[in-house]
Amino acid sequence: MRAIAKTQKERHLLQHRACLTEREANKDKLNVHNEKIVIEDKAICMVCKEAILCNNALIYLKTGYLIHSKCMKYPNLCPITNAILIPPE
């Protein structure tokens, strides 16, 4: 019985974290000014070192790096510098 309660609690925490992450992303979208980013043909992802193609989903980090969205392991942590991207409230 305790294992079931623990699993339910973990699932609830994951859902809560996902909700908070989505809320932060929406908040960031409101504060972002549209800026033009030029991507060269030779651009590579700084995490996986693979080429960045025009049909890839990309993330331009506040730290100045361009990476594939699949390479972003944690939504609030730069995978290259470990800088916190979303300050805690």
PDB file of N, CA and C in Angstrom:
ATOM      1  N   MET A   1       0.813  -1.194   0.000  1.00  0.00           N
ATOM      2  CA  MET A   1       0.000   0.000   0.000  1.00  0.00           C
ATOM      3  C   MET A   1       0.861   1.264   0.000  1.00  0.00           C
ATOM      4  N   ARG A   2       1.958   1.239   0.759  1.00  0.00           N
ATOM      5  CA  ARG A   2       2.837   2.409   0.807  1.00  0.00           C
ATOM      6  C   ARG A   2       3.491   2.671  -0.540  1.00  0.00           C
ATOM      7  N   ALA A   3       3.800   1.583  -1.259  1.00  0.00           N
ATOM      8  CA  ALA A   3       4.428   1.740  -2.574  1.00  0.00           C
ATOM      9  C   ALA A   3       3.487   2.454  -3.537  1.00  0.00           C
ATOM     10  N   ILE A   4       2.205   2.141  -3.455  1.00  0.00           N
ATOM     11  CA  ILE A   4       1.220   2.786  -4.331  1.00  0.00           C
ATOM     12  C   ILE A   4       1.107   4.268  -3.986  1.00  0.00           C
ATOM     13  N   ALA A   5       1.056   4.573  -2.700  1.00  0.00           N
ATOM     14  CA  ALA A   5       0.971   5.973  -2.275  1.00  0.00           C
ATOM     15  C   ALA A   5       2.211   6.744  -2.695  1.00  0.00           C
ATOM     16  N   LYS A   6       3.366   6.107  -2.578  1.00  0.00           N
ATOM     17  CA  LYS A   6       4.613   6.762  -2.980  1.00  0.00           C
ATOM     18  C   LYS A   6       4.617   7.032  -4.482  1.00  0.00           C
ATOM     19  N   THR A   7       4.163   6.055  -5.266  1.00  0.00           N
ATOM     20  CA  THR A   7       4.102   6.216  -6.719  1.00  0.00           C
ATOM     21  C   THR A   7       3.143   7.340  -7.095  1.00  0.00           C
ATOM     22  N   GLN A   8       1.991   7.387  -6.422  1.00  0.00           N
ATOM     23  CA  GLN A   8       1.020   8.448  -6.698  1.00  0.00           C
ATOM     24  C   GLN A   8       1.588   9.815  -6.337  1.00  0.00           C
ATOM     25  N   LYS A   9       2.301   9.888  -5.225  1.00  0.00           N
ATOM     26  CA  LYS A   9       2.906  11.151  -4.810  1.00  0.00           C
ATOM     27  C   LYS A   9       3.956  11.598  -5.822  1.00  0.00           C
ATOM     28  N   GLU A  10       4.792  10.661  -6.288  1.00  0.00           N
ATOM     29  CA  GLU A  10       5.811  10.994  -7.289  1.00  0.00           C
ATOM     30  C   GLU A  10       5.162  11.470  -8.580  1.00  0.00           C
ATOM     31  N   ARG A  11       4.091  10.813  -8.999  1.00  0.00           N
ATOM     32  CA  ARG A  11       3.390  11.202 -10.220  1.00  0.00           C
ATOM     33  C   ARG A  11       2.802  12.607 -10.065  1.00  0.00           C
ATOM     34  N   HIS A  12       2.221  12.873  -8.891  1.00  0.00           N
ATOM     35  CA  HIS A  12       1.658  14.200  -8.625  1.00  0.00           C
ATOM     36  C   HIS A  12       2.752  15.274  -8.670  1.00  0.00           C
ATOM     37  N   LEU A  13       3.916  14.991  -8.074  1.00  0.00           N
ATOM     38  CA  LEU A  13       5.023  15.950  -8.092  1.00  0.00           C
ATOM     39  C   LEU A  13       5.520  16.204  -9.509  1.00  0.00           C
ATOM     40  N   LEU A  14       5.601  15.147 -10.322  1.00  0.00           N
ATOM     41  CA  LEU A  14       6.026  15.316 -11.715  1.00  0.00           C
ATOM     42  C   LEU A  14       5.034  16.177 -12.487  1.00  0.00           C
ATOM     43  N   GLN A  15       3.740  15.945 -12.266  1.00  0.00           N
ATOM     44  CA  GLN A  15       2.727  16.754 -12.939  1.00  0.00           C
ATOM     45  C   GLN A  15       2.826  18.213 -12.497  1.00  0.00           C
ATOM     46  N   HIS A  16       3.067  18.418 -11.215  1.00  0.00           N
ATOM     47  CA  HIS A  16       3.197  19.778 -10.684  1.00  0.00           C
ATOM     48  C   HIS A  16       4.407  20.481 -11.296  1.00  0.00           C
ATOM     49  N   ARG A  17       5.528  19.766 -11.383  1.00  0.00           N
ATOM     50  CA  ARG A  17       6.734  20.345 -11.987  1.00  0.00           C
ATOM     51  C   ARG A  17       6.503  20.686 -13.449  1.00  0.00           C
ATOM     52  N   ALA A  18       5.811  19.787 -14.171  1.00  0.00           N
ATOM     53  CA  ALA A  18       5.526  20.043 -15.582  1.00  0.00           C
ATOM     54  C   ALA A  18       4.653  21.286 -15.733  1.00  0.00           C
ATOM     55  N   CYS A  19       3.677  21.428 -14.850  1.00  0.00           N
ATOM     56  CA  CYS A  19       2.799  22.600 -14.880  1.00  0.00           C
ATOM     57  C   CYS A  19       3.594  23.876 -14.615  1.00  0.00           C
ATOM     58  N   LEU A  20       4.482  23.835 -13.617  1.00  0.00           N
ATOM     59  CA  LEU A  20       5.302  25.004 -13.307  1.00  0.00           C
ATOM     60  C   LEU A  20       6.237  25.359 -14.457  1.00  0.00           C
ATOM     61  N   THR A  21       6.824  24.340 -15.085  1.00  0.00           N
ATOM     62  CA  THR A  21       7.720  24.571 -16.216  1.00  0.00           C
ATOM     63  C   THR A  21       6.964  25.212 -17.373  1.00  0.00           C
ATOM     64  N   GLU A  22       5.760  24.709 -17.644  1.00  0.00           N
ATOM     65  CA  GLU A  22       4.952  25.278 -18.723  1.00  0.00           C
ATOM     66  C   GLU A  22       4.564  26.723 -18.401  1.00  0.00           C
ATOM     67  N   ARG A  23       4.226  26.981 -17.156  1.00  0.00           N
ATOM     68  CA  ARG A  23       3.872  28.337 -16.742  1.00  0.00           C
ATOM     69  C   ARG A  23       5.060  29.288 -16.917  1.00  0.00           C
ATOM     70  N   GLU A  24       6.252  28.837 -16.521  1.00  0.00           N
ATOM     71  CA  GLU A  24       7.460  29.659 -16.682  1.00  0.00           C
ATOM     72  C   GLU A  24       7.748  29.915 -18.156  1.00  0.00           C
ATOM     73  N   ALA A  25       7.565  28.871 -18.987  1.00  0.00           N
ATOM     74  CA  ALA A  25       7.813  29.031 -20.421  1.00  0.00           C
ATOM     75  C   ALA A  25       6.862  30.065 -21.012  1.00  0.00           C
ATOM     76  N   ASN A  26       5.603  30.000 -20.623  1.00  0.00           N
ATOM     77  CA  ASN A  26       4.632  30.980 -21.120  1.00  0.00           C
ATOM     78  C   ASN A  26       4.972  32.379 -20.633  1.00  0.00           C
ATOM     79  N   LYS A  27       5.431  32.484 -19.402  1.00  0.00           N
ATOM     80  CA  LYS A  27       5.837  33.781 -18.851  1.00  0.00           C
ATOM     81  C   LYS A  27       7.035  34.334 -19.620  1.00  0.00           C
ATOM     82  N   ASP A  28       7.999  33.455 -19.916  1.00  0.00           N
ATOM     83  CA  ASP A  28       9.172  33.883 -20.678  1.00  0.00           C
ATOM     84  C   ASP A  28       8.791  34.329 -22.081  1.00  0.00           C
ATOM     85  N   LYS A  29       7.816  33.654 -22.692  1.00  0.00           N
ATOM     86  CA  LYS A  29       7.383  34.031 -24.038  1.00  0.00           C
ATOM     87  C   LYS A  29       6.828  35.454 -24.049  1.00  0.00           C
ATOM     88  N   LEU A  30       6.151  35.826 -22.976  1.00  0.00           N
ATOM     89  CA  LEU A  30       5.596  37.175 -22.907  1.00  0.00           C
ATOM     90  C   LEU A  30       6.682  38.228 -22.777  1.00  0.00           C
ATOM     91  N   ASN A  31       7.786  37.869 -22.145  1.00  0.00           N
ATOM     92  CA  ASN A  31       8.865  38.820 -21.896  1.00  0.00           C
ATOM     93  C   ASN A  31       9.937  38.836 -22.983  1.00  0.00           C
ATOM     94  N   VAL A  32       9.835  37.932 -23.939  1.00  0.00           N
ATOM     95  CA  VAL A  32      10.862  37.821 -24.974  1.00  0.00           C
ATOM     96  C   VAL A  32      10.551  38.786 -26.109  1.00  0.00           C
ATOM     97  N   HIS A  33      11.551  39.526 -26.490  1.00  0.00           N
ATOM     98  CA  HIS A  33      11.418  40.392 -27.653  1.00  0.00           C
ATOM     99  C   HIS A  33      11.878  39.594 -28.863  1.00  0.00           C
ATOM    100  N   ASN A  34      11.140  39.701 -29.941  1.00  0.00           N
ATOM    101  CA  ASN A  34      11.522  38.977 -31.148  1.00  0.00           C
ATOM    102  C   ASN A  34      12.802  39.568 -31.708  1.00  0.00           C
ATOM    103  N   GLU A  35      13.793  38.741 -31.781  1.00  0.00           N
ATOM    104  CA  GLU A  35      15.062  39.156 -32.342  1.00  0.00           C
ATOM    105  C   GLU A  35      15.440  38.178 -33.444  1.00  0.00           C
ATOM    106  N   LYS A  36      16.081  38.694 -34.453  1.00  0.00           N
ATOM    107  CA  LYS A  36      16.517  37.859 -35.555  1.00  0.00           C
ATOM    108  C   LYS A  36      17.802  37.152 -35.162  1.00  0.00           C
ATOM    109  N   ILE A  37      17.827  35.841 -35.359  1.00  0.00           N
ATOM    110  CA  ILE A  37      19.026  35.050 -35.092  1.00  0.00           C
ATOM    111  C   ILE A  37      19.454  34.425 -36.410  1.00  0.00           C
ATOM    112  N   VAL A  38      20.656  34.689 -36.826  1.00  0.00           N
ATOM    113  CA  VAL A  38      21.187  34.131 -38.067  1.00  0.00           C
ATOM    114  C   VAL A  38      21.952  32.860 -37.729  1.00  0.00           C
ATOM    115  N   ILE A  39      21.556  31.765 -38.377  1.00  0.00           N
ATOM    116  CA  ILE A  39      22.205  30.477 -38.145  1.00  0.00           C
ATOM    117  C   ILE A  39      23.006  30.120 -39.389  1.00  0.00           C
ATOM    118  N   GLU A  40      24.284  29.930 -39.216  1.00  0.00           N
ATOM    119  CA  GLU A  40      25.148  29.585 -40.339  1.00  0.00           C
ATOM    120  C   GLU A  40      24.929  28.130 -40.750  1.00  0.00           C
ATOM    121  N   ASP A  41      25.326  27.813 -41.982  1.00  0.00           N
ATOM    122  CA  ASP A  41      25.188  26.446 -42.484  1.00  0.00           C
ATOM    123  C   ASP A  41      26.040  25.461 -41.698  1.00  0.00           C
ATOM    124  N   LYS A  42      27.124  25.936 -41.126  1.00  0.00           N
ATOM    125  CA  LYS A  42      28.055  25.060 -40.416  1.00  0.00           C
ATOM    126  C   LYS A  42      27.758  24.978 -38.922  1.00  0.00           C
ATOM    127  N   ALA A  43      26.638  25.515 -38.488  1.00  0.00           N
ATOM    128  CA  ALA A  43      26.327  25.550 -37.057  1.00  0.00           C
ATOM    129  C   ALA A  43      26.152  24.139 -36.503  1.00  0.00           C
ATOM    130  N   ILE A  44      26.684  23.931 -35.303  1.00  0.00           N
ATOM    131  CA  ILE A  44      26.529  22.639 -34.632  1.00  0.00           C
ATOM    132  C   ILE A  44      25.971  22.869 -33.231  1.00  0.00           C
ATOM    133  N   CYS A  45      25.298  21.847 -32.743  1.00  0.00           N
ATOM    134  CA  CYS A  45      24.783  21.877 -31.378  1.00  0.00           C
ATOM    135  C   CYS A  45      25.969  21.730 -30.436  1.00  0.00           C
ATOM    136  N   MET A  46      26.047  22.593 -29.441  1.00  0.00           N
ATOM    137  CA  MET A  46      27.180  22.571 -28.518  1.00  0.00           C
ATOM    138  C   MET A  46      27.100  21.422 -27.517  1.00  0.00           C
ATOM    139  N   VAL A  47      25.967  20.725 -27.466  1.00  0.00           N
ATOM    140  CA  VAL A  47      25.820  19.605 -26.534  1.00  0.00           C
ATOM    141  C   VAL A  47      26.169  18.288 -27.217  1.00  0.00           C
ATOM    142  N   CYS A  48      25.469  17.977 -28.328  1.00  0.00           N
ATOM    143  CA  CYS A  48      25.677  16.680 -28.991  1.00  0.00           C
ATOM    144  C   CYS A  48      26.672  16.752 -30.146  1.00  0.00           C
ATOM    145  N   LYS A  49      27.079  17.954 -30.522  1.00  0.00           N
ATOM    146  CA  LYS A  49      28.062  18.188 -31.593  1.00  0.00           C
ATOM    147  C   LYS A  49      27.557  17.759 -32.971  1.00  0.00           C
ATOM    148  N   GLU A  50      26.232  17.630 -33.141  1.00  0.00           N
ATOM    149  CA  GLU A  50      25.652  17.307 -34.443  1.00  0.00           C
ATOM    150  C   GLU A  50      25.267  18.605 -35.154  1.00  0.00           C
ATOM    151  N   ALA A  51      25.160  18.523 -36.468  1.00  0.00           N
ATOM    152  CA  ALA A  51      24.805  19.700 -37.264  1.00  0.00           C
ATOM    153  C   ALA A  51      23.392  20.163 -36.933  1.00  0.00           C
ATOM    154  N   ILE A  52      23.206  21.460 -36.988  1.00  0.00           N
ATOM    155  CA  ILE A  52      21.879  22.038 -36.778  1.00  0.00           C
ATOM    156  C   ILE A  52      21.265  22.252 -38.153  1.00  0.00           C
ATOM    157  N   LEU A  53      20.128  21.614 -38.374  1.00  0.00           N
ATOM    158  CA  LEU A  53      19.442  21.690 -39.656  1.00  0.00           C
ATOM    159  C   LEU A  53      18.223  22.591 -39.537  1.00  0.00           C
ATOM    160  N   CYS A  54      17.706  23.021 -40.680  1.00  0.00           N
ATOM    161  CA  CYS A  54      16.592  23.968 -40.666  1.00  0.00           C
ATOM    162  C   CYS A  54      15.300  23.348 -40.140  1.00  0.00           C
ATOM    163  N   ASN A  55      15.178  22.014 -40.170  1.00  0.00           N
ATOM    164  CA  ASN A  55      13.946  21.387 -39.694  1.00  0.00           C
ATOM    165  C   ASN A  55      14.047  20.900 -38.251  1.00  0.00           C
ATOM    166  N   ASN A  56      15.149  21.188 -37.571  1.00  0.00           N
ATOM    167  CA  ASN A  56      15.307  20.808 -36.165  1.00  0.00           C
ATOM    168  C   ASN A  56      14.570  21.784 -35.257  1.00  0.00           C
ATOM    169  N   ALA A  57      14.073  21.258 -34.143  1.00  0.00           N
ATOM    170  CA  ALA A  57      13.537  22.124 -33.095  1.00  0.00           C
ATOM    171  C   ALA A  57      14.730  22.644 -32.306  1.00  0.00           C
ATOM    172  N   LEU A  58      14.833  23.955 -32.187  1.00  0.00           N
ATOM    173  CA  LEU A  58      16.017  24.562 -31.583  1.00  0.00           C
ATOM    174  C   LEU A  58      15.666  25.397 -30.362  1.00  0.00           C
ATOM    175  N   ILE A  59      16.657  25.583 -29.517  1.00  0.00           N
ATOM    176  CA  ILE A  59      16.534  26.457 -28.359  1.00  0.00           C
ATOM    177  C   ILE A  59      17.724  27.407 -28.376  1.00  0.00           C
ATOM    178  N   TYR A  60      17.430  28.694 -28.288  1.00  0.00           N
ATOM    179  CA  TYR A  60      18.493  29.683 -28.143  1.00  0.00           C
ATOM    180  C   TYR A  60      18.516  30.072 -26.677  1.00  0.00           C
ATOM    181  N   LEU A  61      19.564  29.695 -25.985  1.00  0.00           N
ATOM    182  CA  LEU A  61      19.657  29.908 -24.549  1.00  0.00           C
ATOM    183  C   LEU A  61      20.058  31.337 -24.221  1.00  0.00           C
ATOM    184  N   LYS A  62      19.673  31.793 -23.039  1.00  0.00           N
ATOM    185  CA  LYS A  62      20.053  33.129 -22.581  1.00  0.00           C
ATOM    186  C   LYS A  62      21.562  33.252 -22.426  1.00  0.00           C
ATOM    187  N   THR A  63      22.248  32.117 -22.347  1.00  0.00           N
ATOM    188  CA  THR A  63      23.704  32.126 -22.229  1.00  0.00           C
ATOM    189  C   THR A  63      24.375  32.288 -23.588  1.00  0.00           C
ATOM    190  N   GLY A  64      23.577  32.336 -24.672  1.00  0.00           N
ATOM    191  CA  GLY A  64      24.122  32.596 -25.994  1.00  0.00           C
ATOM    192  C   GLY A  64      24.377  31.369 -26.845  1.00  0.00           C
ATOM    193  N   TYR A  65      24.029  30.197 -26.365  1.00  0.00           N
ATOM    194  CA  TYR A  65      24.265  28.968 -27.118  1.00  0.00           C
ATOM    195  C   TYR A  65      23.004  28.546 -27.854  1.00  0.00           C
ATOM    196  N   LEU A  66      23.193  27.902 -28.989  1.00  0.00           N
ATOM    197  CA  LEU A  66      22.102  27.362 -29.789  1.00  0.00           C
ATOM    198  C   LEU A  66      22.207  25.849 -29.733  1.00  0.00           C
ATOM    199  N   ILE A  67      21.142  25.193 -29.287  1.00  0.00           N
ATOM    200  CA  ILE A  67      21.175  23.735 -29.157  1.00  0.00           C
ATOM    201  C   ILE A  67      19.871  23.134 -29.668  1.00  0.00           C
ATOM    202  N   HIS A  68      19.874  21.812 -29.900  1.00  0.00           N
ATOM    203  CA  HIS A  68      18.648  21.091 -30.220  1.00  0.00           C
ATOM    204  C   HIS A  68      17.770  21.055 -28.968  1.00  0.00           C
ATOM    205  N   SER A  69      16.479  21.089 -29.156  1.00  0.00           N
ATOM    206  CA  SER A  69      15.599  21.025 -27.984  1.00  0.00           C
ATOM    207  C   SER A  69      15.710  19.673 -27.289  1.00  0.00           C
ATOM    208  N   LYS A  70      16.026  18.610 -28.042  1.00  0.00           N
ATOM    209  CA  LYS A  70      16.181  17.282 -27.431  1.00  0.00           C
ATOM    210  C   LYS A  70      17.417  17.219 -26.525  1.00  0.00           C
ATOM    211  N   CYS A  71      18.361  18.115 -26.698  1.00  0.00           N
ATOM    212  CA  CYS A  71      19.590  18.127 -25.894  1.00  0.00           C
ATOM    213  C   CYS A  71      19.417  18.892 -24.584  1.00  0.00           C
ATOM    214  N   MET A  72      18.277  19.494 -24.390  1.00  0.00           N
ATOM    215  CA  MET A  72      18.000  20.247 -23.161  1.00  0.00           C
ATOM    216  C   MET A  72      17.452  19.281 -22.126  1.00  0.00           C
ATOM    217  N   LYS A  73      18.325  18.813 -21.231  1.00  0.00           N
ATOM    218  CA  LYS A  73      17.926  17.800 -20.250  1.00  0.00           C
ATOM    219  C   LYS A  73      17.055  18.391 -19.148  1.00  0.00           C
ATOM    220  N   TYR A  74      17.440  19.544 -18.633  1.00  0.00           N
ATOM    221  CA  TYR A  74      16.689  20.214 -17.570  1.00  0.00           C
ATOM    222  C   TYR A  74      16.239  21.576 -18.078  1.00  0.00           C
ATOM    223  N   PRO A  75      14.959  21.923 -17.921  1.00  0.00           N
ATOM    224  CA  PRO A  75      14.447  23.158 -18.517  1.00  0.00           C
ATOM    225  C   PRO A  75      15.005  24.446 -17.913  1.00  0.00           C
ATOM    226  N   ASN A  76      15.558  24.377 -16.724  1.00  0.00           N
ATOM    227  CA  ASN A  76      16.036  25.604 -16.082  1.00  0.00           C
ATOM    228  C   ASN A  76      17.546  25.643 -15.898  1.00  0.00           C
ATOM    229  N   LEU A  77      18.263  24.765 -16.619  1.00  0.00           N
ATOM    230  CA  LEU A  77      19.708  24.684 -16.449  1.00  0.00           C
ATOM    231  C   LEU A  77      20.390  24.608 -17.810  1.00  0.00           C
ATOM    232  N   CYS A  78      21.334  25.510 -18.052  1.00  0.00           N
ATOM    233  CA  CYS A  78      22.093  25.482 -19.301  1.00  0.00           C
ATOM    234  C   CYS A  78      22.943  24.216 -19.313  1.00  0.00           C
ATOM    235  N   PRO A  79      22.821  23.365 -20.338  1.00  0.00           N
ATOM    236  CA  PRO A  79      23.574  22.116 -20.360  1.00  0.00           C
ATOM    237  C   PRO A  79      25.071  22.312 -20.600  1.00  0.00           C
ATOM    238  N   ILE A  80      25.481  23.502 -20.959  1.00  0.00           N
ATOM    239  CA  ILE A  80      26.887  23.754 -21.257  1.00  0.00           C
ATOM    240  C   ILE A  80      27.588  24.424 -20.080  1.00  0.00           C
ATOM    241  N   THR A  81      26.967  25.460 -19.534  1.00  0.00           N
ATOM    242  CA  THR A  81      27.605  26.224 -18.456  1.00  0.00           C
ATOM    243  C   THR A  81      27.038  25.924 -17.074  1.00  0.00           C
ATOM    244  N   ASN A  82      25.935  25.180 -17.013  1.00  0.00           N
ATOM    245  CA  ASN A  82      25.208  24.902 -15.766  1.00  0.00           C
ATOM    246  C   ASN A  82      24.655  26.167 -15.115  1.00  0.00           C
ATOM    247  N   ALA A  83      24.506  27.218 -15.891  1.00  0.00           N
ATOM    248  CA  ALA A  83      23.908  28.452 -15.377  1.00  0.00           C
ATOM    249  C   ALA A  83      22.401  28.260 -15.240  1.00  0.00           C
ATOM    250  N   ILE A  84      21.826  28.856 -14.218  1.00  0.00           N
ATOM    251  CA  ILE A  84      20.382  28.776 -14.019  1.00  0.00           C
ATOM    252  C   ILE A  84      19.717  29.728 -15.004  1.00  0.00           C
ATOM    253  N   LEU A  85      18.785  29.194 -15.803  1.00  0.00           N
ATOM    254  CA  LEU A  85      18.142  29.987 -16.845  1.00  0.00           C
ATOM    255  C   LEU A  85      16.869  30.658 -16.353  1.00  0.00           C
ATOM    256  N   ILE A  86      16.163  30.011 -15.447  1.00  0.00           N
ATOM    257  CA  ILE A  86      14.932  30.572 -14.909  1.00  0.00           C
ATOM    258  C   ILE A  86      15.144  30.781 -13.422  1.00  0.00           C
ATOM    259  N   PRO A  87      15.247  32.016 -12.972  1.00  0.00           N
ATOM    260  CA  PRO A  87      15.482  32.232 -11.541  1.00  0.00           C
ATOM    261  C   PRO A  87      14.289  31.775 -10.713  1.00  0.00           C
ATOM    262  N   PRO A  88      14.536  31.173  -9.558  1.00  0.00           N
ATOM    263  CA  PRO A  88      13.423  30.739  -8.705  1.00  0.00           C
ATOM    264  C   PRO A  88      12.662  31.937  -8.161  1.00  0.00           C
ATOM    265  N   GLU A  89      11.367  31.744  -7.947  1.00  0.00           N
ATOM    266  CA  GLU A  89      10.521  32.833  -7.434  1.00  0.00           C
ATOM    267  C   GLU A  89      10.392  32.750  -5.940  1.00  0.00           C
TER     268      GLU A  89
END
